[in-house]
Protein backbone atom coordinates (compact mmCIF):
# COMPACT_ATOMS: atom_id res chain seq x y z
CA UNK A 1 0.11 0.03 0.23
CA UNK A 2 3.02 2.48 0.17
CA UNK A 3 2.75 5.48 -2.63
CA UNK A 4 5.41 4.52 -5.14
CA UNK A 5 8.66 7.05 -5.09
CA UNK A 6 8.88 10.17 -7.41
CA UNK A 7 11.41 12.42 -9.24
CA UNK A 8 10.87 16.12 -11.06
CA UNK A 9 11.18 15.38 -14.74
CA UNK A 10 11.95 18.77 -15.91
CA UNK A 11 13.65 20.15 -19.05
CA UNK A 12 16.82 21.05 -18.40
CA UNK A 13 16.62 24.84 -18.65
CA UNK A 14 13.67 24.47 -15.77
CA UNK A 15 15.84 22.75 -13.42
CA UNK A 16 17.34 25.31 -11.33
CA UNK A 17 14.05 26.13 -10.31
CA UNK A 18 13.74 22.36 -8.88
CA UNK A 19 14.94 23.16 -5.66
CA UNK A 20 12.18 25.33 -4.75
CA UNK A 21 9.96 22.68 -4.89
CA UNK A 22 11.77 20.07 -3.63
CA UNK A 23 12.73 22.13 -0.40
CA UNK A 24 8.86 22.02 0.57
CA UNK A 25 9.11 18.63 -0.68
CA UNK A 26 8.44 16.29 -3.22
CA UNK A 27 5.07 17.06 -4.71
CA UNK A 28 2.98 14.07 -4.74
CA UNK A 29 1.13 12.55 -7.67
CA UNK A 30 -2.12 14.47 -6.98
CA UNK A 31 0.01 17.46 -6.92
CA UNK A 32 1.22 20.18 -9.51
CA UNK A 33 4.41 20.44 -9.87
CA UNK A 34 4.96 24.57 -9.58
CA UNK A 35 8.76 24.80 -11.23
CA UNK A 36 7.09 25.43 -14.61
CA UNK A 37 5.00 28.64 -12.65
CA UNK A 38 8.46 29.10 -11.21
CA UNK A 39 10.52 29.84 -14.71
CA UNK A 40 8.39 32.95 -14.55
CA UNK A 41 7.57 34.08 -11.09
CA UNK A 42 11.18 33.92 -9.70
CA UNK A 43 13.15 36.24 -12.40
CA UNK A 44 9.63 38.19 -12.18
CA UNK A 45 10.33 38.70 -8.60
CA UNK A 46 13.84 38.92 -8.43
CA UNK A 47 13.96 41.07 -11.63
CA UNK A 48 11.62 43.78 -10.31
CA UNK A 49 13.41 44.20 -6.51
CA UNK A 50 16.82 44.33 -8.37
CA UNK A 51 16.10 46.41 -11.32
CA UNK A 52 19.76 47.49 -13.08
CA UNK A 53 20.81 47.22 -16.79
CA UNK A 54 24.35 47.19 -15.73
CA UNK A 55 24.38 44.43 -12.33
CA UNK A 56 22.21 42.32 -13.51
CA UNK A 57 24.84 41.71 -16.84
CA UNK A 58 27.50 41.13 -13.81
CA UNK A 59 25.54 38.39 -12.60
CA UNK A 60 23.94 36.51 -15.65
CA UNK A 61 28.48 36.59 -16.87
CA UNK A 62 28.89 35.53 -13.25
CA UNK A 63 25.98 32.80 -13.51
CA UNK A 64 27.16 31.70 -17.18
CA UNK A 65 30.55 31.16 -15.43
CA UNK A 66 29.34 28.77 -13.37
CA UNK A 67 26.95 26.47 -14.47
CA UNK A 68 28.88 23.77 -15.09
CA UNK A 69 30.93 23.97 -12.00
CA UNK A 70 28.61 24.80 -9.63
CA UNK A 71 24.82 24.08 -11.59
CA UNK A 72 22.46 25.94 -9.37
CA UNK A 73 24.69 28.86 -10.45
CA UNK A 74 22.47 28.92 -13.57
CA UNK A 75 19.45 30.21 -11.98
CA UNK A 76 21.58 33.76 -12.34
CA UNK A 77 20.76 33.59 -16.45
CA UNK A 78 17.14 34.18 -15.87
CA UNK A 79 17.28 36.08 -12.52
CA UNK A 80 20.38 38.32 -14.83
CA UNK A 81 18.40 38.78 -17.68
CA UNK A 82 15.35 39.93 -15.84
CA UNK A 83 17.33 42.31 -13.69
CA UNK A 84 18.97 43.47 -16.86
CA UNK A 85 14.89 44.05 -18.33
CA UNK A 86 13.97 45.82 -15.41
CA UNK A 87 16.61 47.95 -15.27
CA UNK A 88 16.21 49.04 -18.30
CA UNK A 89 12.96 50.00 -17.47
CA UNK A 90 13.73 51.80 -14.27
CA UNK A 91 16.69 53.50 -16.28
CA UNK A 92 19.09 52.26 -14.27
CA UNK A 93 22.80 51.26 -15.38
CA UNK A 94 25.49 50.43 -12.31
CA UNK A 95 23.83 52.13 -10.09
CA UNK A 96 23.14 56.25 -12.32
CA UNK A 97 19.56 57.40 -13.33
CA UNK A 98 21.48 59.72 -15.86
CA UNK A 99 22.69 57.19 -18.98
CA UNK A 100 19.62 55.93 -20.00
CA UNK A 101 16.30 56.74 -20.16
CA UNK A 102 13.85 55.16 -18.38
CA UNK A 103 11.13 53.48 -20.23
CA UNK A 104 8.99 53.12 -17.77
CA UNK A 105 10.29 55.19 -14.49
CA UNK A 106 11.97 55.96 -12.18
CA UNK A 107 11.57 53.57 -8.96
CA UNK A 108 12.32 56.72 -6.20
CA UNK A 109 10.15 59.35 -8.23
CA UNK A 110 7.06 57.20 -7.84
CA UNK A 111 7.15 55.03 -5.01
CA UNK A 112 3.27 54.33 -3.85
CA UNK A 113 3.19 52.57 -8.36
CA UNK A 114 6.53 50.31 -7.54
CA UNK A 115 4.74 49.32 -4.74
CA UNK A 116 1.05 48.84 -5.54
CA UNK A 117 2.26 47.07 -8.87
CA UNK A 118 3.20 43.88 -6.90
CA UNK A 119 0.14 43.78 -4.83
CA UNK A 120 -1.45 42.93 -7.57
CA UNK A 121 0.84 40.57 -9.07
CA UNK A 122 0.44 38.79 -5.89
CA UNK A 123 -3.76 38.85 -6.37
CA UNK A 124 -2.95 36.95 -9.64
CA UNK A 125 -0.63 34.73 -8.32
CA UNK A 126 -2.09 32.99 -5.19
CA UNK A 127 -5.18 32.95 -7.08
CA UNK A 128 -3.05 30.72 -9.29
CA UNK A 129 -2.57 28.79 -6.19
CA UNK A 130 -5.96 28.01 -4.92
CA UNK A 131 -6.72 27.46 -9.07
CA UNK A 132 -3.79 24.47 -8.52
CA UNK A 133 -5.57 23.33 -5.39
CA UNK A 134 -7.99 22.60 -7.90
CA UNK A 135 -6.43 20.52 -9.72
CA UNK A 136 -5.33 18.55 -7.15
CA UNK A 137 -7.97 17.84 -6.53
CA UNK A 138 -9.05 16.43 -9.23
CA UNK A 139 -6.77 14.31 -9.16
CA UNK A 140 -7.01 13.38 -5.75
CA UNK A 141 -11.07 13.00 -6.99
CA UNK A 142 -12.17 15.43 -5.23
CA UNK A 143 -13.39 18.63 -7.36
CA UNK A 144 -16.86 18.76 -6.30
CA UNK A 145 -16.10 19.27 -3.09
CA UNK A 146 -13.23 22.12 -4.06
CA UNK A 147 -15.90 23.30 -6.45
CA UNK A 148 -18.50 22.85 -3.17
CA UNK A 149 -15.80 25.34 -1.17
CA UNK A 150 -12.72 26.10 -1.54
CA UNK A 151 -13.62 28.14 -5.28
CA UNK A 152 -16.18 29.94 -3.26
CA UNK A 153 -13.32 30.75 -0.57
CA UNK A 154 -11.31 32.27 -3.94
CA UNK A 155 -14.67 34.36 -5.00
CA UNK A 156 -14.56 35.56 -1.35
CA UNK A 157 -11.15 36.47 -1.62
CA UNK A 158 -11.32 38.54 -5.18
CA UNK A 159 -14.57 40.48 -4.33
CA UNK A 160 -12.71 41.36 -0.94
CA UNK A 161 -9.50 42.35 -2.80
CA UNK A 162 -11.53 44.36 -5.69
CA UNK A 163 -14.11 46.26 -2.82
CA UNK A 164 -10.41 47.12 -0.68
CA UNK A 165 -9.17 48.64 -3.90
CA UNK A 166 -12.48 50.47 -4.17
CA UNK A 167 -14.16 48.66 -7.13
CA UNK A 168 -17.86 49.43 -6.72
CA UNK A 169 -20.67 46.48 -6.09
CA UNK A 170 -17.18 44.41 -5.09
CA UNK A 171 -18.15 43.72 -1.84
CA UNK A 172 -21.50 42.08 -3.22
CA UNK A 173 -19.45 39.40 -4.85
CA UNK A 174 -17.18 38.94 -1.46
CA UNK A 175 -20.55 38.24 0.29
CA UNK A 176 -21.66 35.64 -2.90
CA UNK A 177 -18.29 33.62 -1.94
CA UNK A 178 -18.63 33.21 1.27
CA UNK A 179 -21.97 32.36 1.04
CA UNK A 180 -20.94 29.75 -1.83
CA UNK A 181 -18.70 29.11 0.46
CA UNK A 182 -20.71 28.20 4.40
CA UNK A 183 -23.35 26.59 2.25
CA UNK A 184 -21.13 23.91 -0.01
CA UNK A 185 -19.68 23.43 3.82
CA UNK A 186 -22.65 22.31 4.76
CA UNK A 187 -23.69 20.08 1.67
CA UNK A 188 -19.88 18.08 2.27
CA UNK A 189 -20.36 17.67 5.86
CA UNK A 190 -23.98 17.50 6.07
CA UNK A 191 -24.15 18.86 9.70
CA UNK A 192 -24.33 22.43 11.11
CA UNK A 193 -21.64 21.97 13.57
CA UNK A 194 -19.64 21.56 10.35
CA UNK A 195 -21.14 25.15 8.92
CA UNK A 196 -19.83 26.70 11.77
CA UNK A 197 -15.76 25.29 11.99
CA UNK A 198 -16.28 26.52 8.08
CA UNK A 199 -17.18 29.88 9.00
CA UNK A 200 -13.78 29.63 11.18
CA UNK A 201 -11.77 28.91 8.46
CA UNK A 202 -13.36 31.45 6.35
CA UNK A 203 -12.68 34.17 8.63
CA UNK A 204 -8.76 32.89 9.62
CA UNK A 205 -8.16 31.68 6.25
CA UNK A 206 -8.93 35.33 4.74
CA UNK A 207 -7.02 37.08 7.21
CA UNK A 208 -4.05 34.67 5.99
CA UNK A 209 -5.03 35.10 2.45
CA UNK A 210 -5.04 39.56 3.06
CA UNK A 211 -1.79 38.70 4.90
CA UNK A 212 0.23 36.87 2.64
CA UNK A 213 -0.72 39.54 -0.33
CA UNK A 214 0.61 41.89 1.67
CA UNK A 215 3.85 40.11 1.93
CA UNK A 216 3.92 40.85 -1.57
CA UNK A 217 4.88 45.08 -0.74
CA UNK A 218 7.95 43.62 0.05
CA UNK A 219 8.93 43.04 -3.38
CA UNK A 220 8.35 46.77 -3.89
CA UNK A 221 9.76 48.04 -0.91
CA UNK A 222 13.41 46.24 -2.11
CA UNK A 223 13.13 47.65 -5.25
CA UNK A 224 12.82 50.75 -3.18
CA UNK A 225 16.10 49.75 -1.01
CA UNK A 226 18.27 48.79 -3.78
CA UNK A 227 17.14 51.94 -5.72
CA UNK A 228 17.70 54.19 -2.69
CA UNK A 229 21.15 52.08 -2.53
CA UNK A 230 22.71 53.42 -5.86
CA UNK A 231 21.48 56.47 -5.11
CA UNK A 232 23.42 56.71 -2.11
CA UNK A 233 26.26 55.22 -3.95
CA UNK A 234 25.65 58.05 -7.17
CA UNK A 235 25.52 60.60 -4.75
CA UNK A 236 28.72 60.22 -2.97
CA UNK A 237 30.87 59.34 -6.39
CA UNK A 238 29.55 62.27 -7.80
CA UNK A 239 31.04 64.37 -4.34
CA UNK A 240 34.58 62.65 -4.28
CA UNK A 241 37.18 63.38 -6.69
CA UNK A 242 37.62 62.46 -10.40
CA UNK A 243 39.51 59.34 -9.60
CA UNK A 244 37.79 58.40 -5.92
CA UNK A 245 34.73 58.67 -7.47
CA UNK A 246 35.58 56.51 -10.39
CA UNK A 247 36.88 54.04 -7.37
CA UNK A 248 32.87 54.86 -5.41
CA UNK A 249 31.35 53.65 -8.11
CA UNK A 250 32.93 50.53 -8.54
CA UNK A 251 33.34 49.19 -4.94
CA UNK A 252 29.76 50.35 -4.38
CA UNK A 253 28.35 49.09 -7.16
CA UNK A 254 30.03 45.30 -6.03
CA UNK A 255 28.70 46.35 -2.43
CA UNK A 256 24.80 45.96 -3.98
CA UNK A 257 25.48 43.24 -6.27
CA UNK A 258 26.55 40.94 -3.34
CA UNK A 259 24.90 43.29 -0.65
CA UNK A 260 21.10 43.40 -2.32
CA UNK A 261 21.54 40.38 -4.78
CA UNK A 262 21.85 37.95 -1.54
CA UNK A 263 18.55 39.96 0.48
CA UNK A 264 16.57 40.38 -3.16
CA UNK A 265 17.25 35.76 -3.41
CA UNK A 266 16.10 35.45 0.14
CA UNK A 267 12.99 37.62 -0.01
CA UNK A 268 12.13 36.10 -3.43
CA UNK A 269 12.29 32.49 -2.05
CA UNK A 270 10.72 33.58 0.87
CA UNK A 271 7.61 34.21 -0.93
CA UNK A 272 7.46 31.79 -2.68
CA UNK A 273 7.86 28.90 -0.48
CA UNK A 274 5.31 31.01 2.60
CA UNK A 275 2.97 32.92 0.56
CA UNK A 276 2.63 31.12 -3.23
CA UNK A 277 3.48 26.90 -1.58
CA UNK A 278 0.86 27.63 1.06
CA UNK A 279 -2.18 27.39 -1.46
CA UNK A 280 -1.63 24.00 -3.14
CA UNK A 281 1.44 22.34 -2.13
CA UNK A 282 1.92 20.05 0.20
CA UNK A 283 4.97 18.45 -0.77
CA UNK A 284 3.31 14.39 0.06
CA UNK A 285 5.55 12.77 -2.51
CA UNK A 286 8.07 10.05 -1.48
CA UNK A 287 11.94 11.10 -2.14
CA UNK A 288 13.50 9.04 -4.79
CA UNK A 289 16.41 7.28 -3.85
CA UNK A 290 17.77 5.33 -5.69
CA UNK A 291 20.01 1.79 -4.03
CA UNK A 292 23.97 1.89 -4.42
CA UNK A 293 25.44 -0.23 -7.43
CA UNK A 294 26.53 -3.93 -5.90
CA UNK A 295 29.65 -3.93 -5.31
CA UNK A 296 31.29 -6.25 -8.47
CA UNK A 297 32.13 -9.97 -7.75
CA UNK A 298 35.86 -10.93 -7.28
CA UNK A 299 36.88 -13.63 -10.04
CA UNK A 300 36.16 -17.30 -8.70
CA UNK A 301 39.57 -18.67 -7.55
C-alpha cells in the first residue's frame, strides 16, 4: 500500500528552479509541480527588486561562468536577464539613472506605484495557487468538494480585494463567495457543526490570505531600497574627486550586487515557499532514493 517514489522530470532549462519545490517536499502524484510556474515568477520577482542593466549583466555573466562547475548557479542566468530588463524599464545602469532613459519610471520618483504593482501581481499569483489546488483536487477525485467550498473561498477573496481597492459593487461578490463557501461546507459535511467550523476557517483563512497578499509589498519596498542604495553610491561618487568617484562607483556597485543580490534572493525564496506554495503544495510525495550499485564480485578462485 505504499506510494511509489517520485522524481521531478523537467527540461534542462527548468532544472535550476526545482530546488524550490524540493525544499518544500517532493510534490505527490496528485499535486501540481510548480517548477514551470517558478521559471516565470522567480525571475520577475528578482528582477523587479534588483532592476539595473549593468548589475544584472554582472549576475548573468557570473551565472554563465559558474553554470558547469556549480549547476545551481544557472539560476543567475534568468535572474540576471530579468534584472537587465527591469533596469531598462527603470533607467538604471550601474546604479546611475542619468545614462539611459527610463522606459517606464524611476522607482524613487513614484514609490506608491512601485509598491502597488507587486500587490496586483500577488492577487493573481495567489489566485493561481488556489486554482492549482483545484487541479490537485481533480486528480484526487475531490473536485466536487473543491468547487463547493474552496472555489467559493476564492470568489470571496477576489471580491474582498476588489472592495478594498475601491471597485464599485465588489463587496456583493465577496458576500456571494462567503455564502457559497458556507453553503458548500454544509452540503459537504451535512452537519451544522461543520458549517460553524467553516465559518471560523473562512475568517482565519481569509485573514491569512490577505496577509499573504500584503507580504508582496516587500517586493516594491526592496525595489525602492535597491534604488535608494544606488542613489547613495552615485551621490558619494559625484561629490568626490574623479579618481575617488570612479573607485566609489566600482566598489559601490560590487557592494550593491553582493548585498542586494543576497537579500533579494532570500526574499524571493521566502515569498515563493511561504506565500505561494501554501496555497496548493503539501509535499506529500516520496523522495526517490535509488539503491547504491552493488560491489563487483571477485573472480572465482
